Amino acid sequence: MKAVAGMIALTMALAFGTSAQAALAPAYQRAAEIAAAVDAAAALLPRNPIESVVLSAPDRFTIRGGNCTVTVEILDEPAVMAPTRAGPRKFTARAGKPVCAR
């Protein structure tokens, strides 16, 4: 009986005693990464509408607008909290130089 009460107390402490945030579901995390990549590329291609976004490698998008292509990398932000804390991935999108066909 004491073992059951101890397990209940431990379960409640773990369930209610932590302040971890919920991580984003993979589809929502990817959507956030795509949006950041498009924003970074659009800033470099103001005259060309974005026509395609391709995940060309892990954490790397190739974005085409008009006759130009921009590669955008998704980079993790440095951790400011303990690595055991859950939550959405903190990242920045870094765009390379546009490559335009003539």
Protein backbone atom coordinates (compact mmCIF):
# COMPACT_ATOMS: atom_id res chain seq x y z
CA MET A 1 0.00 0.00 0.00
CA LYS A 2 2.83 2.40 0.83
CA ALA A 3 4.47 1.54 -2.49
CA VAL A 4 1.30 2.48 -4.38
CA ALA A 5 0.98 5.77 -2.48
CA GLY A 6 4.64 6.50 -3.16
CA MET A 7 4.20 5.83 -6.88
CA ILE A 8 1.15 8.11 -7.00
CA ALA A 9 3.07 10.88 -5.22
CA LEU A 10 6.03 10.46 -7.56
CA THR A 11 3.79 10.52 -10.63
CA MET A 12 2.03 13.68 -9.45
CA ALA A 13 5.34 15.38 -8.65
CA LEU A 14 6.66 14.59 -12.10
CA ALA A 15 3.44 15.60 -13.83
CA PHE A 16 2.81 18.86 -11.99
CA GLY A 17 6.21 19.76 -10.60
CA THR A 18 7.97 20.48 -13.89
CA SER A 19 7.82 23.64 -15.94
CA ALA A 20 8.75 22.17 -19.31
CA GLN A 21 7.05 23.51 -22.42
CA ALA A 22 5.60 21.16 -24.96
CA ALA A 23 7.72 20.67 -28.07
CA LEU A 24 6.18 21.50 -31.41
CA ALA A 25 4.91 18.59 -33.43
CA PRO A 26 7.29 17.80 -36.34
CA ALA A 27 4.91 19.19 -38.97
CA TYR A 28 4.57 22.51 -37.13
CA GLN A 29 8.31 22.71 -36.47
CA ARG A 30 9.03 22.17 -40.17
CA ALA A 31 6.42 24.80 -41.08
CA ALA A 32 8.17 27.31 -38.80
CA GLU A 33 11.52 26.49 -40.42
CA ILE A 34 10.08 26.88 -43.94
CA ALA A 35 8.50 30.23 -43.03
CA ALA A 36 11.80 31.51 -41.62
CA ALA A 37 13.70 30.30 -44.71
CA VAL A 38 11.22 31.98 -47.08
CA ASP A 39 11.42 35.24 -45.11
CA ALA A 40 15.23 35.19 -45.24
CA ALA A 41 15.25 34.51 -48.99
CA ALA A 42 12.51 37.04 -49.77
CA ALA A 43 14.60 39.79 -48.19
CA LEU A 44 17.30 39.07 -50.78
CA LEU A 45 14.90 38.67 -53.72
CA PRO A 46 12.60 41.70 -53.43
CA ARG A 47 11.76 41.79 -57.16
CA ASN A 48 11.18 38.07 -57.60
CA PRO A 49 8.22 36.18 -56.12
CA ILE A 50 9.16 32.91 -54.42
CA GLU A 51 8.27 30.07 -56.78
CA SER A 52 9.69 26.98 -55.08
CA VAL A 53 11.07 25.81 -51.75
CA VAL A 54 13.01 22.54 -51.61
CA LEU A 55 14.49 20.83 -48.55
CA SER A 56 17.79 20.01 -50.26
CA ALA A 57 19.59 18.61 -47.18
CA PRO A 58 18.90 18.44 -43.46
CA ASP A 59 18.45 22.03 -42.25
CA ARG A 60 19.08 23.44 -45.75
CA PHE A 61 16.50 24.86 -48.14
CA THR A 62 16.98 25.85 -51.77
CA ILE A 63 14.58 28.65 -52.64
CA ARG A 64 13.93 29.86 -56.17
CA GLY A 65 12.39 33.15 -57.18
CA GLY A 66 12.42 34.26 -60.81
CA ASN A 67 15.80 33.40 -62.29
CA CYS A 68 17.54 33.46 -58.87
CA THR A 69 18.23 30.75 -56.32
CA VAL A 70 19.13 31.24 -52.65
CA THR A 71 20.32 28.58 -50.22
CA VAL A 72 19.09 29.08 -46.66
CA GLU A 73 20.53 27.21 -43.69
CA ILE A 74 18.64 26.61 -40.45
CA LEU A 75 21.04 27.08 -37.53
CA ASP A 76 20.37 26.21 -33.90
CA GLU A 77 20.56 29.13 -31.50
CA PRO A 78 22.94 28.62 -28.58
CA ALA A 79 21.19 27.01 -25.63
CA VAL A 80 20.56 29.41 -22.77
CA MET A 81 18.82 26.85 -20.57
CA ALA A 82 19.59 23.37 -19.37
CA PRO A 83 19.57 20.90 -22.29
CA THR A 84 16.98 18.71 -20.54
CA ARG A 85 14.27 21.36 -20.85
CA ALA A 86 11.71 20.52 -23.50
CA GLY A 87 10.28 23.03 -25.91
CA PRO A 88 10.27 24.13 -29.52
CA ARG A 89 13.56 24.25 -31.36
CA LYS A 90 15.21 27.68 -31.24
CA PHE A 91 16.80 28.51 -34.58
CA THR A 92 17.74 31.23 -37.03
CA ALA A 93 17.64 31.17 -40.82
CA ARG A 94 20.80 32.32 -42.61
CA ALA A 95 20.53 33.02 -46.33
CA GLY A 96 23.48 32.77 -48.67
CA LYS A 97 24.11 35.03 -51.65
CA PRO A 98 21.58 34.79 -54.47
CA VAL A 99 22.76 33.03 -57.62
CA CYS A 100 20.98 34.45 -60.66
CA ALA A 101 20.98 33.20 -64.26
CA ARG A 102 21.54 35.87 -66.86
